[in-house]
Amino acid sequence: MVIKRFYNIEELSIILGKSIASIHAHLSRKQFDAVPPPVKLGRRLAWQVESVNEWIDTKASQATPWKPTSPAQPAPPARRRGRPKKTEQRDRGEK
């Protein structure tokens, strides 16, 4: 007899590093590229350990390696929030 092991949603959230709510959201939208497809055991959702491991391996093999990119040009200076100072208004020609 072969014993099948399953993950519940709490265990899957830890493995994937996602919240339970985000897993439910992906499942309701049927986004199986974001989470592996579940199996219904009665009223509960479960994931076979083997299928989750295969899904993770597939995602890892499809991933492109990360390379840091250097900005082509320097970022503009950050703008202050709120009302400009009087000198800033004068320099811009505002009233």
C-alpha atoms as a PDB file:
ATOM      1  CA  MET A   1       0.000   0.000   0.000  1.00  0.00           C
ATOM      2  CA  VAL A   2       1.345   3.410  -0.999  1.00  0.00           C
ATOM      3  CA  ILE A   3       0.885   6.171   1.549  1.00  0.00           C
ATOM      4  CA  LYS A   4       0.215   9.594   0.063  1.00  0.00           C
ATOM      5  CA  ARG A   5       1.319  12.638   2.034  1.00  0.00           C
ATOM      6  CA  PHE A   6      -0.479  15.951   1.755  1.00  0.00           C
ATOM      7  CA  TYR A   7       0.157  19.556   2.737  1.00  0.00           C
ATOM      8  CA  ASN A   8      -2.651  21.625   4.186  1.00  0.00           C
ATOM      9  CA  ILE A   9      -2.989  25.302   3.329  1.00  0.00           C
ATOM     10  CA  GLU A  10      -1.030  26.466   6.385  1.00  0.00           C
ATOM     11  CA  GLU A  11       1.938  24.270   5.455  1.00  0.00           C
ATOM     12  CA  LEU A  12       1.738  25.367   1.806  1.00  0.00           C
ATOM     13  CA  SER A  13       1.736  29.029   2.830  1.00  0.00           C
ATOM     14  CA  ILE A  14       4.949  28.490   4.787  1.00  0.00           C
ATOM     15  CA  ILE A  15       6.585  26.594   1.920  1.00  0.00           C
ATOM     16  CA  LEU A  16       5.654  29.191  -0.707  1.00  0.00           C
ATOM     17  CA  GLY A  17       6.164  32.195   1.549  1.00  0.00           C
ATOM     18  CA  LYS A  18       2.663  33.477   0.828  1.00  0.00           C
ATOM     19  CA  SER A  19      -0.185  34.274   3.152  1.00  0.00           C
ATOM     20  CA  ILE A  20      -3.200  32.006   3.371  1.00  0.00           C
ATOM     21  CA  ALA A  21      -5.369  34.829   2.022  1.00  0.00           C
ATOM     22  CA  SER A  22      -3.169  35.255  -1.063  1.00  0.00           C
ATOM     23  CA  ILE A  23      -3.302  31.508  -1.738  1.00  0.00           C
ATOM     24  CA  HIS A  24      -7.107  31.618  -1.518  1.00  0.00           C
ATOM     25  CA  ALA A  25      -7.132  34.623  -3.865  1.00  0.00           C
ATOM     26  CA  HIS A  26      -4.967  32.829  -6.446  1.00  0.00           C
ATOM     27  CA  LEU A  27      -7.175  29.735  -6.228  1.00  0.00           C
ATOM     28  CA  SER A  28     -10.389  31.727  -6.661  1.00  0.00           C
ATOM     29  CA  ARG A  29      -8.915  33.274  -9.833  1.00  0.00           C
ATOM     30  CA  LYS A  30      -7.624  29.851 -10.912  1.00  0.00           C
ATOM     31  CA  GLN A  31      -4.076  31.231 -11.192  1.00  0.00           C
ATOM     32  CA  PHE A  32      -2.236  27.941 -11.065  1.00  0.00           C
ATOM     33  CA  ASP A  33       0.975  29.603 -12.205  1.00  0.00           C
ATOM     34  CA  ALA A  34       1.115  31.265  -8.757  1.00  0.00           C
ATOM     35  CA  VAL A  35       0.104  28.246  -6.638  1.00  0.00           C
ATOM     36  CA  PRO A  36      -0.048  24.524  -7.435  1.00  0.00           C
ATOM     37  CA  PRO A  37      -3.492  23.047  -8.099  1.00  0.00           C
ATOM     38  CA  PRO A  38      -5.106  21.535  -4.993  1.00  0.00           C
ATOM     39  CA  VAL A  39      -6.964  18.284  -4.350  1.00  0.00           C
ATOM     40  CA  LYS A  40     -10.273  18.324  -2.462  1.00  0.00           C
ATOM     41  CA  LEU A  41     -10.355  16.019   0.541  1.00  0.00           C
ATOM     42  CA  GLY A  42     -13.922  16.331   1.701  1.00  0.00           C
ATOM     43  CA  ARG A  43     -14.399  20.050   2.282  1.00  0.00           C
ATOM     44  CA  ARG A  44     -10.707  20.799   2.702  1.00  0.00           C
ATOM     45  CA  LEU A  45      -8.056  21.652   0.175  1.00  0.00           C
ATOM     46  CA  ALA A  46      -4.857  19.636   0.189  1.00  0.00           C
ATOM     47  CA  TRP A  47      -1.727  19.439  -1.933  1.00  0.00           C
ATOM     48  CA  GLN A  48       0.197  16.252  -2.609  1.00  0.00           C
ATOM     49  CA  VAL A  49       3.786  16.608  -1.435  1.00  0.00           C
ATOM     50  CA  GLU A  50       5.151  15.132  -4.665  1.00  0.00           C
ATOM     51  CA  SER A  51       3.094  17.430  -6.905  1.00  0.00           C
ATOM     52  CA  VAL A  52       4.113  20.528  -4.900  1.00  0.00           C
ATOM     53  CA  ASN A  53       7.781  19.539  -5.176  1.00  0.00           C
ATOM     54  CA  GLU A  54       7.404  18.968  -8.935  1.00  0.00           C
ATOM     55  CA  TRP A  55       5.621  22.336  -9.322  1.00  0.00           C
ATOM     56  CA  ILE A  56       8.405  24.132  -7.424  1.00  0.00           C
ATOM     57  CA  ASP A  57      11.099  22.381  -9.508  1.00  0.00           C
ATOM     58  CA  THR A  58       9.301  23.359 -12.721  1.00  0.00           C
ATOM     59  CA  LYS A  59       9.019  26.994 -11.596  1.00  0.00           C
ATOM     60  CA  ALA A  60      12.679  27.051 -10.576  1.00  0.00           C
ATOM     61  CA  SER A  61      13.809  25.664 -13.938  1.00  0.00           C
ATOM     62  CA  GLN A  62      11.701  28.248 -15.824  1.00  0.00           C
ATOM     63  CA  ALA A  63      13.020  31.172 -13.791  1.00  0.00           C
ATOM     64  CA  THR A  64      15.512  33.518 -15.353  1.00  0.00           C
ATOM     65  CA  PRO A  65      18.587  34.330 -13.304  1.00  0.00           C
ATOM     66  CA  TRP A  66      18.530  37.715 -11.637  1.00  0.00           C
ATOM     67  CA  LYS A  67      21.108  40.245 -12.747  1.00  0.00           C
ATOM     68  CA  PRO A  68      21.417  43.670 -11.234  1.00  0.00           C
ATOM     69  CA  THR A  69      20.846  46.468 -13.686  1.00  0.00           C
ATOM     70  CA  SER A  70      22.591  49.763 -13.511  1.00  0.00           C
ATOM     71  CA  PRO A  71      20.439  52.782 -14.278  1.00  0.00           C
ATOM     72  CA  ALA A  72      21.213  54.347 -17.665  1.00  0.00           C
ATOM     73  CA  GLN A  73      20.802  57.810 -16.210  1.00  0.00           C
ATOM     74  CA  PRO A  74      20.756  59.098 -12.666  1.00  0.00           C
ATOM     75  CA  ALA A  75      17.376  59.359 -11.018  1.00  0.00           C
ATOM     76  CA  PRO A  76      15.915  62.858 -10.791  1.00  0.00           C
ATOM     77  CA  PRO A  77      16.075  64.509  -7.382  1.00  0.00           C
ATOM     78  CA  ALA A  78      13.176  63.573  -5.150  1.00  0.00           C
ATOM     79  CA  ARG A  79      10.441  66.193  -5.034  1.00  0.00           C
ATOM     80  CA  ARG A  80       9.312  67.431  -1.707  1.00  0.00           C
ATOM     81  CA  ARG A  81       5.751  66.742  -0.716  1.00  0.00           C
ATOM     82  CA  GLY A  82       3.405  69.465   0.332  1.00  0.00           C
ATOM     83  CA  ARG A  83       3.315  73.156  -0.432  1.00  0.00           C
ATOM     84  CA  PRO A  84       6.511  74.629  -1.919  1.00  0.00           C
ATOM     85  CA  LYS A  85       8.495  77.206   0.015  1.00  0.00           C
ATOM     86  CA  LYS A  86       8.211  80.846  -1.002  1.00  0.00           C
ATOM     87  CA  THR A  87      11.684  80.777  -2.530  1.00  0.00           C
ATOM     88  CA  GLU A  88      10.764  77.714  -4.616  1.00  0.00           C
ATOM     89  CA  GLN A  89       7.586  79.451  -5.832  1.00  0.00           C
ATOM     90  CA  ARG A  90       9.569  82.583  -6.725  1.00  0.00           C
ATOM     91  CA  ASP A  91      12.227  80.569  -8.576  1.00  0.00           C
ATOM     92  CA  ARG A  92       9.565  78.817 -10.638  1.00  0.00           C
ATOM     93  CA  GLY A  93       7.739  82.041 -11.385  1.00  0.00           C
ATOM     94  CA  GLU A  94       4.608  81.039  -9.473  1.00  0.00           C
ATOM     95  CA  LYS A  95       2.499  83.334  -7.379  1.00  0.00           C
END
